[in-house]
Amino acid sequence: VLFLQKKTGSRFLGGHLVPVGGHIEDGEHN
């Protein structure tokens, strides 16, 4: 599985191993 190892100082989930992705932006909610 491809993971993103977040930088330790990241504001959101710093230091965590996360799947690729993120927040849905305006215009993408549907």
PDB file of all heavy atoms in Angstrom:
ATOM      1  N   VAL A   1       0.851  -1.188   0.000  1.00  0.00           N
ATOM      2  CA  VAL A   1       0.000   0.000   0.000  1.00  0.00           C
ATOM      3  C   VAL A   1       0.887   1.238   0.000  1.00  0.00           C
ATOM      4  O   VAL A   1       1.895   1.300   0.711  1.00  0.00           O
ATOM      5  CB  VAL A   1      -0.911   0.022   1.250  1.00  0.00           C
ATOM      6  CG1 VAL A   1      -1.861   1.211   1.211  1.00  0.00           C
ATOM      7  CG2 VAL A   1      -1.689  -1.281   1.384  1.00  0.00           C
ATOM      8  N   LEU A   2       0.488   2.228  -0.804  1.00  0.00           N
ATOM      9  CA  LEU A   2       1.219   3.491  -0.845  1.00  0.00           C
ATOM     10  C   LEU A   2       0.721   4.393   0.278  1.00  0.00           C
ATOM     11  O   LEU A   2      -0.473   4.685   0.358  1.00  0.00           O
ATOM     12  CB  LEU A   2       1.027   4.183  -2.194  1.00  0.00           C
ATOM     13  CG  LEU A   2       1.781   5.490  -2.393  1.00  0.00           C
ATOM     14  CD1 LEU A   2       3.293   5.271  -2.318  1.00  0.00           C
ATOM     15  CD2 LEU A   2       1.399   6.116  -3.734  1.00  0.00           C
ATOM     16  N   PHE A   3       1.624   4.806   1.151  1.00  0.00           N
ATOM     17  CA  PHE A   3       1.303   5.695   2.258  1.00  0.00           C
ATOM     18  C   PHE A   3       2.107   6.985   2.141  1.00  0.00           C
ATOM     19  O   PHE A   3       3.184   7.008   1.550  1.00  0.00           O
ATOM     20  CB  PHE A   3       1.652   5.046   3.603  1.00  0.00           C
ATOM     21  CG  PHE A   3       0.712   3.968   4.024  1.00  0.00           C
ATOM     22  CD1 PHE A   3       1.034   2.642   3.822  1.00  0.00           C
ATOM     23  CD2 PHE A   3      -0.500   4.277   4.636  1.00  0.00           C
ATOM     24  CE1 PHE A   3       0.177   1.642   4.213  1.00  0.00           C
ATOM     25  CE2 PHE A   3      -1.365   3.288   5.037  1.00  0.00           C
ATOM     26  CZ  PHE A   3      -1.032   1.964   4.821  1.00  0.00           C
ATOM     27  N   LEU A   4       1.584   8.006   2.776  1.00  0.00           N
ATOM     28  CA  LEU A   4       2.293   9.258   2.942  1.00  0.00           C
ATOM     29  C   LEU A   4       2.720   9.346   4.403  1.00  0.00           C
ATOM     30  O   LEU A   4       1.875   9.295   5.296  1.00  0.00           O
ATOM     31  CB  LEU A   4       1.397  10.446   2.581  1.00  0.00           C
ATOM     32  CG  LEU A   4       1.990  11.836   2.807  1.00  0.00           C
ATOM     33  CD1 LEU A   4       3.165  12.083   1.866  1.00  0.00           C
ATOM     34  CD2 LEU A   4       0.928  12.901   2.610  1.00  0.00           C
ATOM     35  N   GLN A   5       4.027   9.419   4.641  1.00  0.00           N
ATOM     36  CA  GLN A   5       4.549   9.633   5.993  1.00  0.00           C
ATOM     37  C   GLN A   5       4.597  11.142   6.191  1.00  0.00           C
ATOM     38  O   GLN A   5       5.455  11.822   5.635  1.00  0.00           O
ATOM     39  CB  GLN A   5       5.944   9.023   6.147  1.00  0.00           C
ATOM     40  CG  GLN A   5       6.602   9.294   7.484  1.00  0.00           C
ATOM     41  CD  GLN A   5       5.996   8.466   8.594  1.00  0.00           C
ATOM     42  OE1 GLN A   5       5.956   7.256   8.510  1.00  0.00           O
ATOM     43  NE2 GLN A   5       5.520   9.129   9.630  1.00  0.00           N
ATOM     44  N   LYS A   6       3.622  11.661   6.954  1.00  0.00           N
ATOM     45  CA  LYS A   6       3.517  13.110   7.148  1.00  0.00           C
ATOM     46  C   LYS A   6       4.736  13.633   7.911  1.00  0.00           C
ATOM     47  O   LYS A   6       5.261  12.968   8.804  1.00  0.00           O
ATOM     48  CB  LYS A   6       2.248  13.447   7.939  1.00  0.00           C
ATOM     49  CG  LYS A   6       0.959  12.998   7.269  1.00  0.00           C
ATOM     50  CD  LYS A   6       0.457  13.979   6.283  1.00  0.00           C
ATOM     51  CE  LYS A   6      -0.221  15.109   6.993  1.00  0.00           C
ATOM     52  NZ  LYS A   6      -0.935  16.015   6.137  1.00  0.00           N
ATOM     53  N   LYS A   7       5.162  14.842   7.558  1.00  0.00           N
ATOM     54  CA  LYS A   7       6.266  15.477   8.274  1.00  0.00           C
ATOM     55  C   LYS A   7       5.880  15.649   9.738  1.00  0.00           C
ATOM     56  O   LYS A   7       4.726  15.940  10.054  1.00  0.00           O
ATOM     57  CB  LYS A   7       6.590  16.835   7.658  1.00  0.00           C
ATOM     58  CG  LYS A   7       7.185  16.738   6.277  1.00  0.00           C
ATOM     59  CD  LYS A   7       7.494  18.112   5.724  1.00  0.00           C
ATOM     60  CE  LYS A   7       8.091  18.000   4.336  1.00  0.00           C
ATOM     61  NZ  LYS A   7       8.336  19.326   3.738  1.00  0.00           N
ATOM     62  N   THR A   8       6.840  15.502  10.613  1.00  0.00           N
ATOM     63  CA  THR A   8       6.596  15.575  12.047  1.00  0.00           C
ATOM     64  C   THR A   8       5.922  16.875  12.454  1.00  0.00           C
ATOM     65  O   THR A   8       5.028  16.884  13.277  1.00  0.00           O
ATOM     66  CB  THR A   8       7.913  15.393  12.831  1.00  0.00           C
ATOM     67  OG1 THR A   8       8.511  14.163  12.420  1.00  0.00           O
ATOM     68  CG2 THR A   8       7.668  15.360  14.322  1.00  0.00           C
ATOM     69  N   GLY A   9       6.302  17.968  11.859  1.00  0.00           N
ATOM     70  CA  GLY A   9       5.748  19.270  12.225  1.00  0.00           C
ATOM     71  C   GLY A   9       4.444  19.631  11.534  1.00  0.00           C
ATOM     72  O   GLY A   9       3.942  20.737  11.712  1.00  0.00           O
ATOM     73  N   SER A  10       3.879  18.716  10.757  1.00  0.00           N
ATOM     74  CA  SER A  10       2.635  19.019  10.039  1.00  0.00           C
ATOM     75  C   SER A  10       1.517  19.365  11.015  1.00  0.00           C
ATOM     76  O   SER A  10       1.394  18.759  12.084  1.00  0.00           O
ATOM     77  CB  SER A  10       2.189  17.828   9.183  1.00  0.00           C
ATOM     78  OG  SER A  10       3.083  17.597   8.140  1.00  0.00           O
ATOM     79  N   ARG A  11       0.692  20.311  10.614  1.00  0.00           N
ATOM     80  CA  ARG A  11      -0.420  20.772  11.458  1.00  0.00           C
ATOM     81  C   ARG A  11      -1.465  19.678  11.647  1.00  0.00           C
ATOM     82  O   ARG A  11      -2.039  19.538  12.719  1.00  0.00           O
ATOM     83  CB  ARG A  11      -1.046  22.005  10.807  1.00  0.00           C
ATOM     84  CG  ARG A  11      -1.996  22.778  11.655  1.00  0.00           C
ATOM     85  CD  ARG A  11      -2.406  24.096  10.994  1.00  0.00           C
ATOM     86  NE  ARG A  11      -2.777  23.969   9.597  1.00  0.00           N
ATOM     87  CZ  ARG A  11      -4.031  23.857   9.159  1.00  0.00           C
ATOM     88  NH1 ARG A  11      -5.021  23.882  10.000  1.00  0.00           N
ATOM     89  NH2 ARG A  11      -4.271  23.737   7.872  1.00  0.00           N
ATOM     90  N   PHE A  12      -1.734  18.881  10.612  1.00  0.00           N
ATOM     91  CA  PHE A  12      -2.747  17.834  10.658  1.00  0.00           C
ATOM     92  C   PHE A  12      -2.065  16.471  10.601  1.00  0.00           C
ATOM     93  O   PHE A  12      -1.404  16.143   9.625  1.00  0.00           O
ATOM     94  CB  PHE A  12      -3.734  18.006   9.496  1.00  0.00           C
ATOM     95  CG  PHE A  12      -4.853  17.012   9.487  1.00  0.00           C
ATOM     96  CD1 PHE A  12      -5.846  17.062  10.438  1.00  0.00           C
ATOM     97  CD2 PHE A  12      -4.903  16.027   8.524  1.00  0.00           C
ATOM     98  CE1 PHE A  12      -6.888  16.150  10.434  1.00  0.00           C
ATOM     99  CE2 PHE A  12      -5.937  15.108   8.498  1.00  0.00           C
ATOM    100  CZ  PHE A  12      -6.935  15.177   9.465  1.00  0.00           C
ATOM    101  N   LEU A  13      -2.172  15.693  11.670  1.00  0.00           N
ATOM    102  CA  LEU A  13      -1.623  14.340  11.770  1.00  0.00           C
ATOM    103  C   LEU A  13      -0.110  14.287  11.544  1.00  0.00           C
ATOM    104  O   LEU A  13       0.403  13.366  10.908  1.00  0.00           O
ATOM    105  CB  LEU A  13      -2.338  13.382  10.818  1.00  0.00           C
ATOM    106  CG  LEU A  13      -3.803  13.106  11.112  1.00  0.00           C
ATOM    107  CD1 LEU A  13      -4.422  12.250  10.006  1.00  0.00           C
ATOM    108  CD2 LEU A  13      -3.999  12.441  12.460  1.00  0.00           C
ATOM    109  N   GLY A  14       0.598  15.256  12.083  1.00  0.00           N
ATOM    110  CA  GLY A  14       2.054  15.282  11.974  1.00  0.00           C
ATOM    111  C   GLY A  14       2.680  13.982  12.453  1.00  0.00           C
ATOM    112  O   GLY A  14       2.340  13.477  13.508  1.00  0.00           O
ATOM    113  N   GLY A  15       3.597  13.435  11.647  1.00  0.00           N
ATOM    114  CA  GLY A  15       4.290  12.200  11.993  1.00  0.00           C
ATOM    115  C   GLY A  15       3.518  10.930  11.685  1.00  0.00           C
ATOM    116  O   GLY A  15       4.058   9.839  11.802  1.00  0.00           O
ATOM    117  N   HIS A  16       2.269  11.047  11.291  1.00  0.00           N
ATOM    118  CA  HIS A  16       1.444   9.867  11.022  1.00  0.00           C
ATOM    119  C   HIS A  16       1.671   9.331   9.608  1.00  0.00           C
ATOM    120  O   HIS A  16       2.012  10.053   8.688  1.00  0.00           O
ATOM    121  CB  HIS A  16      -0.038  10.191  11.179  1.00  0.00           C
ATOM    122  CG  HIS A  16      -0.520  10.148  12.582  1.00  0.00           C
ATOM    123  ND1 HIS A  16      -0.196  11.117  13.505  1.00  0.00           N
ATOM    124  CD2 HIS A  16      -1.306   9.260  13.226  1.00  0.00           C
ATOM    125  CE1 HIS A  16      -0.763  10.823  14.651  1.00  0.00           C
ATOM    126  NE2 HIS A  16      -1.438   9.697  14.510  1.00  0.00           N
ATOM    127  N   LEU A  17       1.412   8.045   9.480  1.00  0.00           N
ATOM    128  CA  LEU A  17       1.361   7.364   8.203  1.00  0.00           C
ATOM    129  C   LEU A  17      -0.098   7.402   7.761  1.00  0.00           C
ATOM    130  O   LEU A  17      -0.982   6.943   8.491  1.00  0.00           O
ATOM    131  CB  LEU A  17       1.814   5.923   8.404  1.00  0.00           C
ATOM    132  CG  LEU A  17       2.238   5.100   7.220  1.00  0.00           C
ATOM    133  CD1 LEU A  17       3.453   5.717   6.555  1.00  0.00           C
ATOM    134  CD2 LEU A  17       2.540   3.688   7.661  1.00  0.00           C
ATOM    135  N   VAL A  18      -0.379   7.991   6.604  1.00  0.00           N
ATOM    136  CA  VAL A  18      -1.763   8.176   6.159  1.00  0.00           C
ATOM    137  C   VAL A  18      -1.912   7.714   4.712  1.00  0.00           C
ATOM    138  O   VAL A  18      -0.942   7.711   3.949  1.00  0.00           O
ATOM    139  CB  VAL A  18      -2.215   9.650   6.277  1.00  0.00           C
ATOM    140  CG1 VAL A  18      -2.201  10.112   7.727  1.00  0.00           C
ATOM    141  CG2 VAL A  18      -1.370  10.563   5.421  1.00  0.00           C
ATOM    142  N   PRO A  19      -3.134   7.329   4.317  1.00  0.00           N
ATOM    143  CA  PRO A  19      -3.359   7.082   2.893  1.00  0.00           C
ATOM    144  C   PRO A  19      -3.280   8.404   2.137  1.00  0.00           C
ATOM    145  O   PRO A  19      -3.403   9.475   2.725  1.00  0.00           O
ATOM    146  CB  PRO A  19      -4.769   6.483   2.849  1.00  0.00           C
ATOM    147  CG  PRO A  19      -5.425   6.928   4.111  1.00  0.00           C
ATOM    148  CD  PRO A  19      -4.334   7.118   5.115  1.00  0.00           C
ATOM    149  N   VAL A  20      -3.086   8.328   0.861  1.00  0.00           N
ATOM    150  CA  VAL A  20      -3.030   9.517   0.022  1.00  0.00           C
ATOM    151  C   VAL A  20      -4.427  10.142  -0.010  1.00  0.00           C
ATOM    152  O   VAL A  20      -5.419   9.442  -0.178  1.00  0.00           O
ATOM    153  CB  VAL A  20      -2.572   9.150  -1.397  1.00  0.00           C
ATOM    154  CG1 VAL A  20      -2.614  10.357  -2.301  1.00  0.00           C
ATOM    155  CG2 VAL A  20      -1.179   8.545  -1.362  1.00  0.00           C
ATOM    156  N   GLY A  21      -4.511  11.447   0.167  1.00  0.00           N
ATOM    157  CA  GLY A  21      -5.805  12.110   0.096  1.00  0.00           C
ATOM    158  C   GLY A  21      -5.861  13.320   0.993  1.00  0.00           C
ATOM    159  O   GLY A  21      -4.854  13.752   1.548  1.00  0.00           O
ATOM    160  N   GLY A  22      -7.063  13.860   1.141  1.00  0.00           N
ATOM    161  CA  GLY A  22      -7.223  15.032   1.978  1.00  0.00           C
ATOM    162  C   GLY A  22      -8.633  15.572   1.927  1.00  0.00           C
ATOM    163  O   GLY A  22      -9.576  14.863   1.549  1.00  0.00           O
ATOM    164  N   HIS A  23      -8.769  16.829   2.286  1.00  0.00           N
ATOM    165  CA  HIS A  23     -10.075  17.464   2.393  1.00  0.00           C
ATOM    166  C   HIS A  23     -10.709  17.719   1.028  1.00  0.00           C
ATOM    167  O   HIS A  23     -10.011  18.047   0.066  1.00  0.00           O
ATOM    168  CB  HIS A  23      -9.961  18.784   3.160  1.00  0.00           C
ATOM    169  CG  HIS A  23      -9.628  18.581   4.589  1.00  0.00           C
ATOM    170  ND1 HIS A  23      -8.337  18.535   5.049  1.00  0.00           N
ATOM    171  CD2 HIS A  23     -10.433  18.368   5.661  1.00  0.00           C
ATOM    172  CE1 HIS A  23      -8.352  18.319   6.348  1.00  0.00           C
ATOM    173  NE2 HIS A  23      -9.603  18.210   6.748  1.00  0.00           N
ATOM    174  N   ILE A  24     -12.004  17.566   0.980  1.00  0.00           N
ATOM    175  CA  ILE A  24     -12.772  17.887  -0.210  1.00  0.00           C
ATOM    176  C   ILE A  24     -12.935  19.395  -0.258  1.00  0.00           C
ATOM    177  O   ILE A  24     -13.278  20.023   0.739  1.00  0.00           O
ATOM    178  CB  ILE A  24     -14.132  17.162  -0.188  1.00  0.00           C
ATOM    179  CG1 ILE A  24     -13.900  15.650  -0.303  1.00  0.00           C
ATOM    180  CG2 ILE A  24     -15.038  17.675  -1.294  1.00  0.00           C
ATOM    181  CD1 ILE A  24     -15.154  14.814  -0.231  1.00  0.00           C
ATOM    182  N   GLU A  25     -12.670  19.975  -1.406  1.00  0.00           N
ATOM    183  CA  GLU A  25     -12.725  21.429  -1.562  1.00  0.00           C
ATOM    184  C   GLU A  25     -14.054  21.865  -2.176  1.00  0.00           C
ATOM    185  O   GLU A  25     -14.816  21.036  -2.696  1.00  0.00           O
ATOM    186  CB  GLU A  25     -11.555  21.892  -2.433  1.00  0.00           C
ATOM    187  CG  GLU A  25     -10.215  21.641  -1.764  1.00  0.00           C
ATOM    188  CD  GLU A  25      -9.039  22.120  -2.578  1.00  0.00           C
ATOM    189  OE1 GLU A  25      -9.218  22.612  -3.712  1.00  0.00           O
ATOM    190  OE2 GLU A  25      -7.905  21.997  -2.079  1.00  0.00           O
ATOM    191  N   ASP A  26     -14.309  23.167  -2.123  1.00  0.00           N
ATOM    192  CA  ASP A  26     -15.518  23.716  -2.727  1.00  0.00           C
ATOM    193  C   ASP A  26     -15.628  23.245  -4.172  1.00  0.00           C
ATOM    194  O   ASP A  26     -14.642  23.211  -4.897  1.00  0.00           O
ATOM    195  CB  ASP A  26     -15.492  25.250  -2.697  1.00  0.00           C
ATOM    196  CG  ASP A  26     -15.674  25.799  -1.289  1.00  0.00           C
ATOM    197  OD1 ASP A  26     -16.210  25.070  -0.426  1.00  0.00           O
ATOM    198  OD2 ASP A  26     -15.285  26.956  -1.059  1.00  0.00           O
ATOM    199  N   GLY A  27     -16.839  22.891  -4.560  1.00  0.00           N
ATOM    200  CA  GLY A  27     -17.078  22.414  -5.907  1.00  0.00           C
ATOM    201  C   GLY A  27     -16.893  20.919  -6.079  1.00  0.00           C
ATOM    202  O   GLY A  27     -17.188  20.373  -7.139  1.00  0.00           O
ATOM    203  N   GLU A  28     -16.373  20.227  -5.045  1.00  0.00           N
ATOM    204  CA  GLU A  28     -16.127  18.784  -5.127  1.00  0.00           C
ATOM    205  C   GLU A  28     -17.065  17.975  -4.223  1.00  0.00           C
ATOM    206  O   GLU A  28     -17.005  16.754  -4.226  1.00  0.00           O
ATOM    207  CB  GLU A  28     -14.684  18.467  -4.723  1.00  0.00           C
ATOM    208  CG  GLU A  28     -13.639  19.064  -5.623  1.00  0.00           C
ATOM    209  CD  GLU A  28     -12.223  18.857  -5.106  1.00  0.00           C
ATOM    210  OE1 GLU A  28     -12.025  18.703  -3.875  1.00  0.00           O
ATOM    211  OE2 GLU A  28     -11.300  18.871  -5.939  1.00  0.00           O
ATOM    212  N   HIS A  29     -17.923  18.633  -3.459  1.00  0.00           N
ATOM    213  CA  HIS A  29     -18.714  17.935  -2.445  1.00  0.00           C
ATOM    214  C   HIS A  29     -19.652  16.875  -3.004  1.00  0.00           C
ATOM    215  O   HIS A  29     -19.987  15.919  -2.316  1.00  0.00           O
ATOM    216  CB  HIS A  29     -19.475  18.935  -1.574  1.00  0.00           C
ATOM    217  CG  HIS A  29     -18.560  19.658  -0.656  1.00  0.00           C
ATOM    218  ND1 HIS A  29     -18.047  20.895  -0.974  1.00  0.00           N
ATOM    219  CD2 HIS A  29     -18.028  19.321   0.535  1.00  0.00           C
ATOM    220  CE1 HIS A  29     -17.238  21.289  -0.001  1.00  0.00           C
ATOM    221  NE2 HIS A  29     -17.208  20.349   0.924  1.00  0.00           N
ATOM    222  N   ASN A  30     -20.066  17.026  -4.241  1.00  0.00           N
ATOM    223  CA  ASN A  30     -20.928  16.015  -4.847  1.00  0.00           C
ATOM    224  C   ASN A  30     -20.144  15.014  -5.685  1.00  0.00           C
ATOM    225  O   ASN A  30     -20.746  14.180  -6.362  1.00  0.00           O
ATOM    226  CB  ASN A  30     -22.008  16.687  -5.718  1.00  0.00           C
ATOM    227  CG  ASN A  30     -23.003  17.433  -4.873  1.00  0.00           C
ATOM    228  OD1 ASN A  30     -23.332  17.021  -3.761  1.00  0.00           O
ATOM    229  ND2 ASN A  30     -23.476  18.557  -5.372  1.00  0.00           N
TER     230      ASN A  30
END
